[in-house]
Amino acid sequence: MKRSTLSHSFLNIILVFIESALTLLLRLDPELRKAAYPLAKQGTVVALRLYLPHVEIFATFSTKGVLLDAQLPVGRSEPDVVINAYSIQIINAITTHDSETTEKLQMRGESVQVQLVKQFIMQLGLGSLIQGLIKKFKGGKGKHQPSEAEMADKKESYQLRIKEQQTQINTLTIKNRELETTLKELQSKQKTLTIVAVVAVIVMIGAIIALLMS
């Protein structure tokens, strides 16, 4: 029991250091902030299930940064994206800044969110930290010409945003059609009830007249 408590405490300390490093990276790297923005906007929760050592970490994207915890956030029954990987695989994905290495990670979740998480991991690397520090020290002097890799990343980011917006438009279109169908059904029912009521009144009046004449 004591060993378990110490292990949990040690994990929390590590998570605090990683969380602080992520906050620093987000401040230094504008491209990383762009990659994190759609995830933060949706409040995406990522479950990272690691092997060797066997631990489970939950990363919650928010406007405050990436919050790390050993437990699922309060109010959430399950994460949006689940990553199953060995610790060395995660380290390689972060340090190599390589799309192929990131694609090899086993991820489960909604396809758009999985792609956004992959994009964030690819942007989250030692290379981006070094570039961020260089830009910081240069103070923005000189015009930066985007490389082919940066242009490809931006293009992919735009495509993901367009796909996300198209999905939202399709969802709204479907809901609009459903509302139109519901409205037509209600109008049809209202007409039927009106006809039934008129017929009932006519029958009632006829019955009363028949009773008076008898």
Protein backbone atom coordinates (compact mmCIF):
# COMPACT_ATOMS: atom_id res chain seq x y z
CA MET A 1 0.00 0.00 0.00
CA LYS A 2 2.84 2.35 0.92
CA ARG A 3 4.70 1.47 -2.27
CA SER A 4 1.60 2.22 -4.35
CA THR A 5 1.21 5.63 -2.65
CA LEU A 6 4.83 6.54 -3.28
CA SER A 7 4.54 5.46 -6.92
CA HIS A 8 1.44 7.59 -7.38
CA SER A 9 3.13 10.59 -5.74
CA PHE A 10 6.21 10.17 -7.94
CA LEU A 11 3.99 10.04 -11.04
CA ASN A 12 2.27 13.26 -9.99
CA ILE A 13 5.63 15.01 -9.62
CA ILE A 14 6.65 13.89 -13.12
CA LEU A 15 3.33 15.08 -14.53
CA VAL A 16 3.83 18.52 -12.96
CA PHE A 17 7.25 18.86 -14.65
CA ILE A 18 5.89 17.71 -18.04
CA GLU A 19 2.90 20.03 -17.73
CA SER A 20 5.24 22.97 -17.02
CA ALA A 21 7.38 22.05 -20.04
CA LEU A 22 4.28 21.92 -22.26
CA THR A 23 3.21 25.35 -21.01
CA LEU A 24 6.65 26.73 -21.93
CA LEU A 25 6.51 25.12 -25.37
CA LEU A 26 3.07 26.57 -26.04
CA ARG A 27 4.32 30.05 -25.15
CA LEU A 28 7.41 29.79 -27.35
CA ASP A 29 5.95 28.04 -30.38
CA PRO A 30 3.01 29.75 -32.18
CA GLU A 31 2.62 26.76 -34.54
CA LEU A 32 2.19 24.47 -31.54
CA ARG A 33 -0.47 26.82 -30.17
CA LYS A 34 -2.28 26.64 -33.52
CA ALA A 35 -2.15 22.83 -33.39
CA ALA A 36 -3.49 22.84 -29.83
CA TYR A 37 -6.24 25.41 -30.44
CA PRO A 38 -8.91 23.15 -32.06
CA LEU A 39 -8.32 20.53 -29.35
CA ALA A 40 -8.60 23.16 -26.59
CA LYS A 41 -11.74 24.59 -28.21
CA GLN A 42 -13.42 21.18 -27.99
CA GLY A 43 -12.01 20.41 -24.52
CA THR A 44 -10.50 17.21 -25.90
CA VAL A 45 -9.38 14.58 -23.37
CA VAL A 46 -6.65 12.16 -24.47
CA ALA A 47 -5.93 8.94 -22.56
CA LEU A 48 -2.29 7.88 -22.87
CA ARG A 49 -1.88 4.22 -21.91
CA LEU A 50 1.82 3.44 -21.68
CA TYR A 51 3.65 0.13 -21.38
CA LEU A 52 7.06 -0.24 -19.73
CA PRO A 53 6.30 1.28 -17.33
CA HIS A 54 2.59 0.54 -17.25
CA VAL A 55 0.85 3.84 -16.48
CA GLU A 56 -2.25 5.69 -17.68
CA ILE A 57 -2.18 9.48 -18.10
CA PHE A 58 -5.03 11.77 -19.09
CA ALA A 59 -4.26 14.98 -21.01
CA THR A 60 -7.01 17.61 -21.09
CA PHE A 61 -6.67 20.39 -23.66
CA SER A 62 -8.02 23.73 -22.47
CA THR A 63 -7.44 27.46 -22.89
CA LYS A 64 -5.07 27.24 -19.91
CA GLY A 65 -2.85 24.74 -21.68
CA VAL A 66 -2.53 20.96 -21.52
CA LEU A 67 -3.52 19.66 -18.07
CA LEU A 68 -2.12 16.26 -17.07
CA ASP A 69 -3.57 13.93 -14.47
CA ALA A 70 -3.48 10.26 -13.50
CA GLN A 71 -7.29 10.17 -13.37
CA LEU A 72 -10.07 10.97 -15.81
CA PRO A 73 -11.31 14.57 -15.36
CA VAL A 74 -14.44 15.06 -13.27
CA GLY A 75 -17.60 15.01 -15.37
CA ARG A 76 -16.11 12.83 -18.12
CA SER A 77 -17.07 9.16 -18.43
CA GLU A 78 -14.52 8.39 -21.15
CA PRO A 79 -11.73 10.10 -23.11
CA ASP A 80 -12.13 11.38 -26.68
CA VAL A 81 -8.92 9.78 -27.95
CA VAL A 82 -7.04 6.76 -26.57
CA ILE A 83 -3.35 6.16 -27.36
CA ASN A 84 -1.85 2.73 -26.64
CA ALA A 85 1.93 2.69 -26.97
CA TYR A 86 5.24 1.83 -25.36
CA SER A 87 7.01 4.69 -23.64
CA ILE A 88 9.88 4.53 -26.14
CA GLN A 89 7.39 4.97 -29.01
CA ILE A 90 6.03 8.18 -27.49
CA ILE A 91 9.56 9.48 -26.88
CA ASN A 92 10.53 8.71 -30.49
CA ALA A 93 7.41 10.42 -31.84
CA ILE A 94 8.18 13.58 -29.86
CA THR A 95 11.95 13.71 -30.41
CA THR A 96 12.06 12.70 -34.09
CA HIS A 97 9.31 15.10 -35.19
CA ASP A 98 8.49 12.43 -37.81
CA SER A 99 5.04 11.79 -39.30
CA GLU A 100 5.75 8.08 -39.97
CA THR A 101 6.67 7.49 -36.32
CA THR A 102 3.52 9.28 -35.18
CA GLU A 103 1.34 7.32 -37.62
CA LYS A 104 2.57 4.06 -36.06
CA LEU A 105 1.02 4.97 -32.70
CA GLN A 106 -2.21 3.11 -32.00
CA MET A 107 -4.99 5.68 -31.58
CA ARG A 108 -8.73 5.20 -31.13
CA GLY A 109 -11.36 7.92 -31.36
CA GLU A 110 -13.24 10.14 -33.79
CA SER A 111 -11.17 10.47 -36.98
CA VAL A 112 -10.98 14.29 -36.98
CA GLN A 113 -9.85 14.45 -33.34
CA VAL A 114 -7.31 11.65 -33.90
CA GLN A 115 -5.81 13.64 -36.79
CA LEU A 116 -5.68 16.78 -34.65
CA VAL A 117 -3.88 14.88 -31.87
CA LYS A 118 -1.38 13.47 -34.40
CA GLN A 119 -0.76 16.95 -35.75
CA PHE A 120 -0.14 18.23 -32.22
CA ILE A 121 2.32 15.39 -31.48
CA MET A 122 4.22 16.02 -34.73
CA GLN A 123 4.47 19.72 -33.88
CA LEU A 124 5.49 18.90 -30.31
CA GLY A 125 9.21 18.15 -30.61
CA LEU A 126 12.68 19.27 -29.65
CA GLY A 127 12.97 20.86 -33.07
CA SER A 128 10.02 23.14 -32.42
CA LEU A 129 11.49 24.15 -29.04
CA ILE A 130 14.84 25.06 -30.63
CA GLN A 131 13.11 26.99 -33.41
CA GLY A 132 10.97 28.80 -30.84
CA LEU A 133 14.03 29.78 -28.80
CA ILE A 134 15.87 31.01 -31.92
CA LYS A 135 12.87 33.14 -32.94
CA LYS A 136 12.62 34.46 -29.39
CA PHE A 137 16.27 35.52 -29.27
CA LYS A 138 16.20 36.99 -32.78
CA GLY A 139 13.26 39.14 -31.74
CA GLY A 140 11.52 38.61 -35.04
CA LYS A 141 14.31 40.23 -37.12
CA GLY A 142 14.25 39.40 -40.78
CA LYS A 143 11.49 37.80 -42.77
CA HIS A 144 11.04 34.11 -42.20
CA GLN A 145 10.49 32.13 -45.37
CA PRO A 146 8.31 29.09 -44.60
CA SER A 147 9.85 25.75 -45.51
CA GLU A 148 8.11 23.05 -47.55
CA ALA A 149 7.41 21.10 -44.36
CA GLU A 150 5.80 24.16 -42.74
CA MET A 151 3.73 24.82 -45.83
CA ALA A 152 2.61 21.18 -45.89
CA ASP A 153 1.67 21.37 -42.19
CA LYS A 154 -0.32 24.55 -42.80
CA LYS A 155 -2.06 23.01 -45.78
CA GLU A 156 -2.96 19.94 -43.74
CA SER A 157 -4.19 22.19 -40.93
CA TYR A 158 -6.41 24.14 -43.33
CA GLN A 159 -7.77 20.92 -44.81
CA LEU A 160 -8.63 19.64 -41.33
CA ARG A 161 -10.40 22.90 -40.49
CA ILE A 162 -12.34 22.79 -43.76
CA LYS A 163 -13.31 19.18 -43.09
CA GLU A 164 -14.40 20.06 -39.56
CA GLN A 165 -16.49 22.99 -40.82
CA GLN A 166 -18.02 20.82 -43.55
CA THR A 167 -18.98 18.24 -40.93
CA GLN A 168 -20.64 20.94 -38.85
CA ILE A 169 -22.50 22.26 -41.92
CA ASN A 170 -23.71 18.76 -42.80
CA THR A 171 -24.89 18.23 -39.22
CA LEU A 172 -26.79 21.53 -39.23
CA THR A 173 -28.33 20.68 -42.62
CA ILE A 174 -29.56 17.32 -41.33
CA LYS A 175 -31.00 18.93 -38.19
CA ASN A 176 -32.71 21.59 -40.32
CA ARG A 177 -34.32 18.90 -42.47
CA GLU A 178 -35.45 17.03 -39.37
CA LEU A 179 -37.04 20.22 -38.01
CA GLU A 180 -38.79 20.87 -41.34
CA THR A 181 -40.15 17.31 -41.34
CA THR A 182 -41.33 17.65 -37.74
CA LEU A 183 -43.01 20.99 -38.56
CA LYS A 184 -44.83 19.48 -41.56
CA GLU A 185 -46.01 16.56 -39.40
CA LEU A 186 -47.32 18.95 -36.76
CA GLN A 187 -49.10 21.04 -39.39
CA SER A 188 -50.66 17.89 -40.86
CA LYS A 189 -51.82 16.74 -37.41
CA GLN A 190 -53.24 20.20 -36.71
CA LYS A 191 -55.25 20.12 -39.95
CA THR A 192 -56.56 16.65 -39.13
CA LEU A 193 -57.58 17.72 -35.62
CA THR A 194 -59.31 20.82 -37.04
CA ILE A 195 -61.30 18.72 -39.52
CA VAL A 196 -62.26 16.22 -36.81
CA ALA A 197 -63.33 19.06 -34.51
CA VAL A 198 -65.47 20.68 -37.25
CA VAL A 199 -67.11 17.36 -38.10
CA ALA A 200 -67.78 16.71 -34.41
CA VAL A 201 -69.39 20.15 -34.01
CA ILE A 202 -71.57 19.61 -37.10
CA VAL A 203 -72.65 16.19 -35.84
CA MET A 204 -73.40 17.65 -32.43
CA ILE A 205 -75.48 20.49 -33.90
CA GLY A 206 -77.35 17.99 -36.07
CA ALA A 207 -78.05 15.81 -33.08
CA ILE A 208 -79.38 18.78 -31.09
CA ILE A 209 -81.65 19.90 -33.98
CA ALA A 210 -82.94 16.34 -34.36
CA LEU A 211 -83.74 16.19 -30.65
CA LEU A 212 -85.60 19.54 -30.76
CA MET A 213 -87.66 18.53 -33.77
CA SER A 214 -88.67 15.14 -32.37
